[in-house]
């Protein structure tokens, strides 16, 4: 069995790295949208209950953004790895 060349491995790694930047931007935007509304509630909260609801919304926005990034990054790694394996299997 032949091993994958270093050049191929680095090309696939570079593609994963570029996609990770895209997913970081997308998940950051989602986190900001969710947390932004909650931040407004937090800053204008006249009651303590609204203050804690705003705080929980910010935490939830950050958590959802991180979860989204993790899932998208793992999906990208699996996709690139499987595509690379299929390409190598097709070689004579």
N, C-alpha and C. Protein backbone atom coordinates (compact mmCIF):
# COMPACT_ATOMS: atom_id res chain seq x y z
N UNK A 1 0.85 -1.17 0.00
CA UNK A 1 0.00 0.00 0.00
C UNK A 1 0.90 1.24 0.00
N UNK A 2 0.52 2.21 -0.82
CA UNK A 2 1.28 3.44 -0.94
C UNK A 2 0.78 4.49 0.04
N UNK A 3 1.70 5.25 0.57
CA UNK A 3 1.33 6.34 1.49
C UNK A 3 1.00 7.60 0.69
N UNK A 4 0.21 8.46 1.30
CA UNK A 4 -0.11 9.74 0.69
C UNK A 4 1.13 10.64 0.77
N UNK A 5 1.38 11.40 -0.29
CA UNK A 5 2.56 12.26 -0.29
C UNK A 5 2.36 13.44 0.67
N UNK A 6 3.48 14.01 1.09
CA UNK A 6 3.41 15.17 1.99
C UNK A 6 2.75 16.35 1.31
N UNK A 7 3.00 16.50 0.02
CA UNK A 7 2.38 17.61 -0.71
C UNK A 7 0.86 17.51 -0.70
N UNK A 8 0.34 16.30 -0.92
CA UNK A 8 -1.10 16.10 -0.89
C UNK A 8 -1.65 16.35 0.50
N UNK A 9 -0.93 15.87 1.50
CA UNK A 9 -1.38 16.06 2.89
C UNK A 9 -1.43 17.55 3.25
N UNK A 10 -0.41 18.30 2.86
CA UNK A 10 -0.39 19.72 3.17
C UNK A 10 -1.46 20.49 2.39
N UNK A 11 -1.72 20.07 1.14
CA UNK A 11 -2.78 20.71 0.37
C UNK A 11 -4.14 20.49 1.05
N UNK A 12 -4.40 19.27 1.48
CA UNK A 12 -5.66 18.98 2.17
C UNK A 12 -5.73 19.74 3.50
N UNK A 13 -4.62 19.81 4.21
CA UNK A 13 -4.58 20.56 5.46
C UNK A 13 -4.83 22.04 5.25
N UNK A 14 -4.30 22.59 4.17
CA UNK A 14 -4.51 24.00 3.86
C UNK A 14 -5.98 24.28 3.53
N UNK A 15 -6.61 23.35 2.80
CA UNK A 15 -8.03 23.51 2.48
C UNK A 15 -8.87 23.48 3.76
N UNK A 16 -8.55 22.57 4.67
CA UNK A 16 -9.28 22.51 5.94
C UNK A 16 -9.07 23.80 6.72
N UNK A 17 -7.85 24.31 6.72
CA UNK A 17 -7.57 25.57 7.43
C UNK A 17 -8.36 26.74 6.86
N UNK A 18 -8.43 26.82 5.53
CA UNK A 18 -9.21 27.90 4.90
C UNK A 18 -10.69 27.78 5.25
N UNK A 19 -11.22 26.56 5.20
CA UNK A 19 -12.62 26.36 5.57
C UNK A 19 -12.86 26.68 7.04
N UNK A 20 -11.87 26.41 7.89
CA UNK A 20 -12.05 26.73 9.31
C UNK A 20 -12.19 28.23 9.53
N UNK A 21 -11.50 29.01 8.72
CA UNK A 21 -11.64 30.48 8.81
C UNK A 21 -13.06 30.89 8.39
N UNK A 22 -13.56 30.29 7.32
CA UNK A 22 -14.93 30.60 6.86
C UNK A 22 -15.93 30.23 7.96
N UNK A 23 -15.77 29.04 8.55
CA UNK A 23 -16.71 28.60 9.59
C UNK A 23 -16.59 29.46 10.85
N UNK A 24 -15.40 29.96 11.14
CA UNK A 24 -15.22 30.84 12.29
C UNK A 24 -15.99 32.15 12.08
N UNK A 25 -15.93 32.69 10.88
CA UNK A 25 -16.66 33.92 10.58
C UNK A 25 -18.17 33.69 10.65
N UNK A 26 -18.64 32.59 10.05
CA UNK A 26 -20.07 32.29 10.06
C UNK A 26 -20.58 32.08 11.48
N UNK A 27 -19.89 31.26 12.26
CA UNK A 27 -20.34 31.00 13.63
C UNK A 27 -20.20 32.25 14.51
N UNK A 28 -19.21 33.09 14.24
CA UNK A 28 -19.08 34.35 14.97
C UNK A 28 -20.24 35.28 14.70
N UNK A 29 -20.67 35.33 13.44
CA UNK A 29 -21.82 36.17 13.10
C UNK A 29 -23.08 35.66 13.79
N UNK A 30 -23.28 34.34 13.80
CA UNK A 30 -24.44 33.76 14.49
C UNK A 30 -24.39 34.10 15.98
N UNK A 31 -23.22 33.95 16.60
CA UNK A 31 -23.08 34.24 18.03
C UNK A 31 -23.34 35.71 18.32
N UNK A 32 -22.87 36.60 17.45
CA UNK A 32 -23.09 38.03 17.65
C UNK A 32 -24.56 38.39 17.50
N UNK A 33 -25.23 37.79 16.52
CA UNK A 33 -26.66 38.07 16.33
C UNK A 33 -27.45 37.63 17.56
N UNK A 34 -27.18 36.44 18.05
CA UNK A 34 -27.90 35.94 19.23
C UNK A 34 -27.55 36.76 20.47
N UNK A 35 -26.26 37.01 20.66
CA UNK A 35 -25.82 37.72 21.86
C UNK A 35 -26.15 39.21 21.80
N UNK A 36 -26.24 39.78 20.60
CA UNK A 36 -26.50 41.21 20.46
C UNK A 36 -27.84 41.63 21.03
N UNK A 37 -28.87 40.88 20.72
CA UNK A 37 -30.18 41.19 21.28
C UNK A 37 -30.20 41.02 22.79
N UNK A 38 -29.51 40.01 23.25
CA UNK A 38 -29.44 39.78 24.69
C UNK A 38 -28.62 40.85 25.39
N UNK A 39 -27.61 41.37 24.72
CA UNK A 39 -26.81 42.45 25.30
C UNK A 39 -27.65 43.70 25.47
N UNK A 40 -28.51 43.97 24.50
CA UNK A 40 -29.40 45.13 24.63
C UNK A 40 -30.33 44.96 25.84
N UNK A 41 -30.87 43.76 26.00
CA UNK A 41 -31.73 43.50 27.16
C UNK A 41 -30.92 43.64 28.44
N UNK A 42 -29.70 43.16 28.44
CA UNK A 42 -28.84 43.23 29.63
C UNK A 42 -28.54 44.68 30.02
N UNK A 43 -28.26 45.51 29.05
CA UNK A 43 -27.89 46.90 29.34
C UNK A 43 -29.09 47.77 29.73
N UNK A 44 -30.26 47.42 29.25
CA UNK A 44 -31.44 48.22 29.55
C UNK A 44 -32.38 47.54 30.54
N UNK A 45 -31.87 46.54 31.25
CA UNK A 45 -32.71 45.73 32.13
C UNK A 45 -33.12 46.52 33.38
N UNK A 46 -34.42 46.80 33.52
CA UNK A 46 -34.86 47.50 34.73
C UNK A 46 -35.02 46.56 35.93
N UNK A 47 -35.14 45.27 35.68
CA UNK A 47 -35.31 44.33 36.79
C UNK A 47 -34.17 43.33 36.81
N UNK A 48 -34.01 42.70 37.95
CA UNK A 48 -32.94 41.71 38.07
C UNK A 48 -33.21 40.48 37.21
N UNK A 49 -34.46 40.10 37.07
CA UNK A 49 -34.81 38.94 36.24
C UNK A 49 -34.44 39.18 34.78
N UNK A 50 -34.69 40.39 34.29
CA UNK A 50 -34.31 40.71 32.91
C UNK A 50 -32.80 40.76 32.75
N UNK A 51 -32.11 41.21 33.79
CA UNK A 51 -30.65 41.23 33.76
C UNK A 51 -30.12 39.82 33.59
N UNK A 52 -30.61 38.87 34.38
CA UNK A 52 -30.12 37.49 34.29
C UNK A 52 -30.57 36.81 33.00
N UNK A 53 -31.75 37.19 32.49
CA UNK A 53 -32.19 36.66 31.21
C UNK A 53 -31.27 37.14 30.09
N UNK A 54 -30.88 38.40 30.12
CA UNK A 54 -29.93 38.92 29.14
C UNK A 54 -28.57 38.25 29.23
N UNK A 55 -28.12 38.04 30.47
CA UNK A 55 -26.84 37.35 30.68
C UNK A 55 -26.90 35.93 30.14
N UNK A 56 -28.00 35.23 30.40
CA UNK A 56 -28.16 33.86 29.90
C UNK A 56 -28.22 33.83 28.38
N UNK A 57 -28.85 34.83 27.78
CA UNK A 57 -28.91 34.91 26.32
C UNK A 57 -27.54 35.10 25.69
N UNK A 58 -26.71 35.92 26.33
CA UNK A 58 -25.34 36.10 25.83
C UNK A 58 -24.56 34.81 25.92
N UNK A 59 -24.66 34.13 27.06
CA UNK A 59 -23.96 32.85 27.24
C UNK A 59 -24.46 31.83 26.22
N UNK A 60 -25.77 31.80 25.98
CA UNK A 60 -26.34 30.87 25.01
C UNK A 60 -25.85 31.18 23.59
N UNK A 61 -25.76 32.45 23.25
CA UNK A 61 -25.26 32.84 21.93
C UNK A 61 -23.83 32.40 21.72
N UNK A 62 -23.00 32.58 22.73
CA UNK A 62 -21.60 32.14 22.63
C UNK A 62 -21.53 30.62 22.52
N UNK A 63 -22.32 29.92 23.32
CA UNK A 63 -22.32 28.46 23.28
C UNK A 63 -22.78 27.94 21.92
N UNK A 64 -23.85 28.51 21.37
CA UNK A 64 -24.35 28.06 20.07
C UNK A 64 -23.31 28.35 18.98
N UNK A 65 -22.65 29.50 19.04
CA UNK A 65 -21.61 29.82 18.07
C UNK A 65 -20.45 28.83 18.13
N UNK A 66 -20.01 28.50 19.33
CA UNK A 66 -18.91 27.54 19.48
C UNK A 66 -19.33 26.14 19.02
N UNK A 67 -20.55 25.75 19.35
CA UNK A 67 -21.04 24.44 18.93
C UNK A 67 -21.15 24.37 17.42
N UNK A 68 -21.66 25.41 16.81
CA UNK A 68 -21.78 25.47 15.36
C UNK A 68 -20.41 25.37 14.70
N UNK A 69 -19.44 26.10 15.22
CA UNK A 69 -18.08 26.05 14.66
C UNK A 69 -17.50 24.65 14.76
N UNK A 70 -17.68 24.02 15.91
CA UNK A 70 -17.13 22.68 16.12
C UNK A 70 -17.74 21.68 15.14
N UNK A 71 -19.05 21.70 15.00
CA UNK A 71 -19.72 20.76 14.10
C UNK A 71 -19.30 21.00 12.65
N UNK A 72 -19.26 22.26 12.23
CA UNK A 72 -18.87 22.56 10.86
C UNK A 72 -17.42 22.18 10.58
N UNK A 73 -16.54 22.40 11.54
CA UNK A 73 -15.14 22.04 11.35
C UNK A 73 -14.97 20.53 11.26
N UNK A 74 -15.62 19.78 12.13
CA UNK A 74 -15.54 18.31 12.06
C UNK A 74 -16.10 17.80 10.74
N UNK A 75 -17.20 18.38 10.28
CA UNK A 75 -17.78 17.96 9.00
C UNK A 75 -16.81 18.23 7.85
N UNK A 76 -16.11 19.34 7.91
CA UNK A 76 -15.13 19.67 6.88
C UNK A 76 -13.97 18.68 6.88
N UNK A 77 -13.48 18.35 8.07
CA UNK A 77 -12.36 17.40 8.17
C UNK A 77 -12.77 16.04 7.61
N UNK A 78 -13.96 15.59 7.97
CA UNK A 78 -14.44 14.29 7.48
C UNK A 78 -14.59 14.32 5.96
N UNK A 79 -15.18 15.38 5.43
CA UNK A 79 -15.39 15.50 3.99
C UNK A 79 -14.07 15.49 3.23
N UNK A 80 -13.12 16.29 3.67
CA UNK A 80 -11.83 16.37 2.98
C UNK A 80 -11.08 15.04 3.10
N UNK A 81 -11.14 14.42 4.27
CA UNK A 81 -10.44 13.15 4.47
C UNK A 81 -11.03 12.05 3.59
N UNK A 82 -12.35 11.99 3.51
CA UNK A 82 -12.97 10.94 2.69
C UNK A 82 -12.72 11.20 1.21
N UNK A 83 -12.80 12.45 0.79
CA UNK A 83 -12.49 12.76 -0.61
C UNK A 83 -11.06 12.37 -0.95
N UNK A 84 -10.13 12.65 -0.03
CA UNK A 84 -8.74 12.28 -0.26
C UNK A 84 -8.55 10.78 -0.32
N UNK A 85 -9.25 10.05 0.54
CA UNK A 85 -9.15 8.59 0.52
C UNK A 85 -9.70 8.01 -0.77
N UNK A 86 -10.80 8.57 -1.26
CA UNK A 86 -11.38 8.09 -2.51
C UNK A 86 -10.44 8.37 -3.68
N UNK A 87 -9.82 9.57 -3.68
CA UNK A 87 -8.86 9.90 -4.75
C UNK A 87 -7.68 8.93 -4.74
N UNK A 88 -7.18 8.61 -3.56
CA UNK A 88 -6.05 7.68 -3.45
C UNK A 88 -6.44 6.28 -3.85
N UNK A 89 -7.67 5.88 -3.54
CA UNK A 89 -8.11 4.53 -3.89
C UNK A 89 -8.28 4.36 -5.39
N UNK A 90 -8.59 5.45 -6.10
CA UNK A 90 -8.77 5.38 -7.54
C UNK A 90 -7.44 5.31 -8.31
N UNK A 91 -6.36 5.69 -7.64
CA UNK A 91 -5.05 5.66 -8.31
C UNK A 91 -4.61 4.22 -8.52
N UNK A 92 -3.92 3.99 -9.65
CA UNK A 92 -3.44 2.62 -9.92
C UNK A 92 -2.31 2.19 -9.02
